[in-house]
Amino acid sequence: IWADIHGPDHPKVSTARKYLAKLLKALGKDGEAERQYDIAIATLERILDPNSPNYASDLLNLARLLQDQGYYDKAKPYYECALKMFEEKFGPDHPKVAKAL
């Protein structure tokens, strides 16, 4: 519905995809969840500042999903990118940095 109202590149659409991905993960549909995170992240790359905390949070969510599936090498660059973004935005002692470690 959000995509019909606002278009596919609106932040609300990306947020809806993120929540859908979380739901799919909870249902054990990891492949579908990964696809929704990928689409949400690609949308945020187009519409937000690349240092946005929202973008970093989505990278972190995707990294956790991949880690939970045992794809550690695939998850690592997402963790590293999110960690760097959180450190630059909030400083090294912020709780968001701790979540990315």
N, C-alpha and C. Protein backbone atom coordinates (compact mmCIF):
# COMPACT_ATOMS: atom_id res chain seq x y z
N ILE A 1 0.83 -1.19 0.00
CA ILE A 1 0.00 0.00 0.00
C ILE A 1 0.88 1.26 0.00
N TRP A 2 1.93 1.27 0.87
CA TRP A 2 2.80 2.45 0.91
C TRP A 2 3.43 2.71 -0.45
N ALA A 3 3.82 1.65 -1.16
CA ALA A 3 4.44 1.83 -2.47
C ALA A 3 3.45 2.43 -3.46
N ASP A 4 2.18 2.04 -3.36
CA ASP A 4 1.17 2.61 -4.25
C ASP A 4 0.93 4.09 -3.95
N ILE A 5 0.99 4.45 -2.68
CA ILE A 5 0.73 5.83 -2.29
C ILE A 5 1.93 6.73 -2.54
N HIS A 6 3.12 6.27 -2.10
CA HIS A 6 4.31 7.13 -2.11
C HIS A 6 5.32 6.80 -3.21
N GLY A 7 5.17 5.66 -3.86
CA GLY A 7 6.16 5.21 -4.82
C GLY A 7 7.16 4.28 -4.14
N PRO A 8 7.88 3.48 -4.93
CA PRO A 8 8.75 2.45 -4.36
C PRO A 8 9.98 2.98 -3.64
N ASP A 9 10.37 4.22 -3.91
CA ASP A 9 11.59 4.76 -3.31
C ASP A 9 11.31 5.71 -2.15
N HIS A 10 10.28 5.45 -1.40
CA HIS A 10 9.96 6.27 -0.24
C HIS A 10 10.46 5.58 1.03
N PRO A 11 10.95 6.35 2.02
CA PRO A 11 11.44 5.74 3.26
C PRO A 11 10.41 4.85 3.96
N LYS A 12 9.13 5.19 3.86
CA LYS A 12 8.10 4.35 4.50
C LYS A 12 8.03 2.97 3.86
N VAL A 13 8.28 2.90 2.56
CA VAL A 13 8.28 1.61 1.87
C VAL A 13 9.46 0.77 2.34
N SER A 14 10.60 1.41 2.47
CA SER A 14 11.78 0.71 2.98
C SER A 14 11.56 0.20 4.40
N THR A 15 10.95 1.02 5.23
CA THR A 15 10.64 0.61 6.61
C THR A 15 9.68 -0.57 6.62
N ALA A 16 8.67 -0.53 5.77
CA ALA A 16 7.72 -1.64 5.69
C ALA A 16 8.42 -2.93 5.27
N ARG A 17 9.35 -2.82 4.33
CA ARG A 17 10.10 -4.01 3.90
C ARG A 17 10.96 -4.56 5.04
N LYS A 18 11.54 -3.65 5.84
CA LYS A 18 12.36 -4.08 6.97
C LYS A 18 11.50 -4.87 7.97
N TYR A 19 10.31 -4.37 8.28
CA TYR A 19 9.43 -5.07 9.21
C TYR A 19 8.93 -6.39 8.62
N LEU A 20 8.68 -6.40 7.33
CA LEU A 20 8.30 -7.64 6.66
C LEU A 20 9.44 -8.66 6.76
N ALA A 21 10.66 -8.19 6.56
CA ALA A 21 11.83 -9.08 6.67
C ALA A 21 11.94 -9.67 8.06
N LYS A 22 11.72 -8.85 9.09
CA LYS A 22 11.77 -9.36 10.46
C LYS A 22 10.70 -10.42 10.70
N LEU A 23 9.51 -10.19 10.17
CA LEU A 23 8.42 -11.16 10.30
C LEU A 23 8.77 -12.46 9.58
N LEU A 24 9.28 -12.34 8.36
CA LEU A 24 9.65 -13.53 7.60
C LEU A 24 10.73 -14.33 8.31
N LYS A 25 11.69 -13.64 8.90
CA LYS A 25 12.74 -14.32 9.66
C LYS A 25 12.13 -15.08 10.83
N ALA A 26 11.21 -14.44 11.54
CA ALA A 26 10.56 -15.09 12.68
C ALA A 26 9.77 -16.33 12.24
N LEU A 27 9.28 -16.31 11.02
CA LEU A 27 8.54 -17.45 10.47
C LEU A 27 9.45 -18.52 9.88
N GLY A 28 10.76 -18.27 9.93
CA GLY A 28 11.72 -19.23 9.39
C GLY A 28 11.91 -19.15 7.89
N LYS A 29 11.46 -18.07 7.29
CA LYS A 29 11.59 -17.88 5.84
C LYS A 29 12.77 -16.96 5.57
N ASP A 30 13.97 -17.47 5.88
CA ASP A 30 15.17 -16.65 5.83
C ASP A 30 15.50 -16.14 4.43
N GLY A 31 15.28 -16.96 3.42
CA GLY A 31 15.57 -16.52 2.05
C GLY A 31 14.71 -15.34 1.65
N GLU A 32 13.43 -15.40 1.98
CA GLU A 32 12.53 -14.29 1.67
C GLU A 32 12.88 -13.06 2.51
N ALA A 33 13.28 -13.28 3.76
CA ALA A 33 13.67 -12.17 4.63
C ALA A 33 14.91 -11.47 4.06
N GLU A 34 15.87 -12.27 3.62
CA GLU A 34 17.09 -11.68 3.03
C GLU A 34 16.74 -10.83 1.81
N ARG A 35 15.84 -11.33 0.98
CA ARG A 35 15.43 -10.57 -0.22
C ARG A 35 14.81 -9.23 0.16
N GLN A 36 13.95 -9.22 1.18
CA GLN A 36 13.32 -7.97 1.61
C GLN A 36 14.35 -6.99 2.18
N TYR A 37 15.31 -7.50 2.96
CA TYR A 37 16.38 -6.63 3.46
C TYR A 37 17.19 -6.06 2.30
N ASP A 38 17.51 -6.91 1.32
CA ASP A 38 18.28 -6.43 0.17
C ASP A 38 17.56 -5.30 -0.56
N ILE A 39 16.26 -5.45 -0.75
CA ILE A 39 15.48 -4.42 -1.43
C ILE A 39 15.42 -3.15 -0.58
N ALA A 40 15.19 -3.30 0.73
CA ALA A 40 15.14 -2.14 1.62
C ALA A 40 16.46 -1.39 1.62
N ILE A 41 17.56 -2.13 1.68
CA ILE A 41 18.89 -1.50 1.70
C ILE A 41 19.17 -0.80 0.38
N ALA A 42 18.83 -1.44 -0.73
CA ALA A 42 19.03 -0.80 -2.03
C ALA A 42 18.22 0.49 -2.15
N THR A 43 17.02 0.48 -1.62
CA THR A 43 16.19 1.69 -1.63
C THR A 43 16.84 2.79 -0.80
N LEU A 44 17.29 2.44 0.40
CA LEU A 44 17.93 3.45 1.26
C LEU A 44 19.21 3.99 0.63
N GLU A 45 19.94 3.15 -0.08
CA GLU A 45 21.15 3.62 -0.77
C GLU A 45 20.82 4.71 -1.78
N ARG A 46 19.65 4.59 -2.40
CA ARG A 46 19.25 5.58 -3.41
C ARG A 46 18.71 6.87 -2.81
N ILE A 47 18.07 6.79 -1.64
CA ILE A 47 17.33 7.95 -1.16
C ILE A 47 17.90 8.62 0.08
N LEU A 48 18.80 7.96 0.80
CA LEU A 48 19.32 8.54 2.04
C LEU A 48 20.79 8.86 1.94
N ASP A 49 21.23 9.67 2.87
CA ASP A 49 22.65 9.90 3.07
C ASP A 49 23.29 8.54 3.36
N PRO A 50 24.41 8.22 2.72
CA PRO A 50 25.03 6.92 2.94
C PRO A 50 25.49 6.68 4.38
N ASN A 51 25.54 7.72 5.19
CA ASN A 51 25.92 7.57 6.60
C ASN A 51 24.72 7.58 7.53
N SER A 52 23.54 7.38 7.00
CA SER A 52 22.31 7.40 7.79
C SER A 52 22.29 6.24 8.80
N PRO A 53 21.91 6.53 10.05
CA PRO A 53 21.76 5.44 11.03
C PRO A 53 20.72 4.41 10.61
N ASN A 54 19.69 4.83 9.89
CA ASN A 54 18.68 3.87 9.41
C ASN A 54 19.31 2.86 8.45
N TYR A 55 20.15 3.36 7.58
CA TYR A 55 20.85 2.49 6.63
C TYR A 55 21.75 1.52 7.38
N ALA A 56 22.50 2.03 8.34
CA ALA A 56 23.40 1.19 9.13
C ALA A 56 22.62 0.13 9.91
N SER A 57 21.46 0.49 10.44
CA SER A 57 20.64 -0.48 11.18
C SER A 57 20.15 -1.60 10.28
N ASP A 58 19.78 -1.26 9.05
CA ASP A 58 19.34 -2.30 8.12
C ASP A 58 20.49 -3.21 7.73
N LEU A 59 21.69 -2.63 7.56
CA LEU A 59 22.86 -3.46 7.28
C LEU A 59 23.11 -4.43 8.44
N LEU A 60 22.96 -3.93 9.64
CA LEU A 60 23.17 -4.76 10.83
C LEU A 60 22.13 -5.89 10.90
N ASN A 61 20.88 -5.58 10.58
CA ASN A 61 19.83 -6.61 10.58
C ASN A 61 20.13 -7.69 9.54
N LEU A 62 20.58 -7.28 8.36
CA LEU A 62 20.92 -8.25 7.33
C LEU A 62 22.11 -9.09 7.77
N ALA A 63 23.10 -8.47 8.38
CA ALA A 63 24.27 -9.21 8.87
C ALA A 63 23.85 -10.27 9.88
N ARG A 64 22.97 -9.92 10.79
CA ARG A 64 22.50 -10.89 11.80
C ARG A 64 21.75 -12.05 11.15
N LEU A 65 20.92 -11.73 10.17
CA LEU A 65 20.20 -12.79 9.46
C LEU A 65 21.18 -13.75 8.80
N LEU A 66 22.17 -13.20 8.12
CA LEU A 66 23.16 -14.05 7.44
C LEU A 66 23.97 -14.86 8.45
N GLN A 67 24.33 -14.24 9.55
CA GLN A 67 25.07 -14.96 10.60
C GLN A 67 24.24 -16.11 11.15
N ASP A 68 22.96 -15.86 11.40
CA ASP A 68 22.08 -16.90 11.92
C ASP A 68 21.96 -18.09 10.96
N GLN A 69 22.15 -17.83 9.68
CA GLN A 69 22.10 -18.90 8.68
C GLN A 69 23.45 -19.59 8.51
N GLY A 70 24.47 -19.08 9.21
CA GLY A 70 25.80 -19.66 9.10
C GLY A 70 26.66 -19.06 8.01
N TYR A 71 26.20 -17.98 7.39
CA TYR A 71 26.96 -17.32 6.32
C TYR A 71 27.85 -16.22 6.90
N TYR A 72 28.84 -16.65 7.67
CA TYR A 72 29.67 -15.70 8.40
C TYR A 72 30.48 -14.79 7.48
N ASP A 73 31.05 -15.37 6.42
CA ASP A 73 31.84 -14.56 5.50
C ASP A 73 30.98 -13.54 4.76
N LYS A 74 29.76 -13.92 4.48
CA LYS A 74 28.84 -13.00 3.79
C LYS A 74 28.36 -11.90 4.75
N ALA A 75 28.22 -12.23 6.03
CA ALA A 75 27.74 -11.26 7.02
C ALA A 75 28.80 -10.24 7.41
N LYS A 76 30.06 -10.66 7.39
CA LYS A 76 31.15 -9.83 7.91
C LYS A 76 31.20 -8.42 7.31
N PRO A 77 31.15 -8.25 5.98
CA PRO A 77 31.24 -6.87 5.46
C PRO A 77 30.07 -5.98 5.89
N TYR A 78 28.90 -6.56 6.09
CA TYR A 78 27.76 -5.77 6.56
C TYR A 78 27.98 -5.32 8.00
N TYR A 79 28.49 -6.23 8.84
CA TYR A 79 28.83 -5.85 10.21
C TYR A 79 29.88 -4.74 10.22
N GLU A 80 30.91 -4.90 9.43
CA GLU A 80 32.00 -3.92 9.41
C GLU A 80 31.51 -2.55 8.95
N CYS A 81 30.69 -2.54 7.93
CA CYS A 81 30.16 -1.27 7.42
C CYS A 81 29.26 -0.60 8.46
N ALA A 82 28.36 -1.37 9.06
CA ALA A 82 27.47 -0.81 10.09
C ALA A 82 28.27 -0.29 11.27
N LEU A 83 29.26 -1.05 11.71
CA LEU A 83 30.09 -0.63 12.83
C LEU A 83 30.79 0.69 12.53
N LYS A 84 31.38 0.79 11.36
CA LYS A 84 32.07 2.03 10.97
C LYS A 84 31.11 3.22 10.96
N MET A 85 29.93 3.01 10.40
CA MET A 85 28.95 4.09 10.32
C MET A 85 28.49 4.52 11.71
N PHE A 86 28.22 3.56 12.59
CA PHE A 86 27.79 3.90 13.95
C PHE A 86 28.90 4.62 14.72
N GLU A 87 30.14 4.16 14.57
CA GLU A 87 31.26 4.81 15.26
C GLU A 87 31.42 6.25 14.79
N GLU A 88 31.32 6.47 13.48
CA GLU A 88 31.47 7.82 12.94
C GLU A 88 30.33 8.73 13.37
N LYS A 89 29.14 8.20 13.43
CA LYS A 89 27.96 9.01 13.77
C LYS A 89 27.84 9.27 15.27
N PHE A 90 28.09 8.23 16.09
CA PHE A 90 27.80 8.32 17.52
C PHE A 90 29.01 8.28 18.44
N GLY A 91 30.17 7.91 17.92
CA GLY A 91 31.35 7.75 18.76
C GLY A 91 31.48 6.31 19.24
N PRO A 92 32.68 5.93 19.70
CA PRO A 92 32.96 4.53 20.01
C PRO A 92 32.24 3.96 21.23
N ASP A 93 31.71 4.81 22.11
CA ASP A 93 31.11 4.32 23.35
C ASP A 93 29.58 4.25 23.32
N HIS A 94 29.00 4.45 22.17
CA HIS A 94 27.54 4.46 22.05
C HIS A 94 26.99 3.03 22.02
N PRO A 95 25.79 2.79 22.59
CA PRO A 95 25.20 1.45 22.58
C PRO A 95 25.01 0.86 21.18
N LYS A 96 24.75 1.70 20.18
CA LYS A 96 24.59 1.17 18.82
C LYS A 96 25.90 0.56 18.32
N VAL A 97 27.02 1.13 18.74
CA VAL A 97 28.31 0.57 18.37
C VAL A 97 28.47 -0.81 19.00
N ALA A 98 28.07 -0.93 20.25
CA ALA A 98 28.17 -2.21 20.94
C ALA A 98 27.33 -3.29 20.25
N LYS A 99 26.17 -2.92 19.74
CA LYS A 99 25.31 -3.89 19.05
C LYS A 99 25.95 -4.41 17.77
N ALA A 100 26.79 -3.59 17.16
CA ALA A 100 27.42 -3.98 15.90
C ALA A 100 28.69 -4.79 16.11
N LEU A 101 29.14 -4.90 17.35
CA LEU A 101 30.37 -5.66 17.61
C LEU A 101 30.11 -7.15 17.64
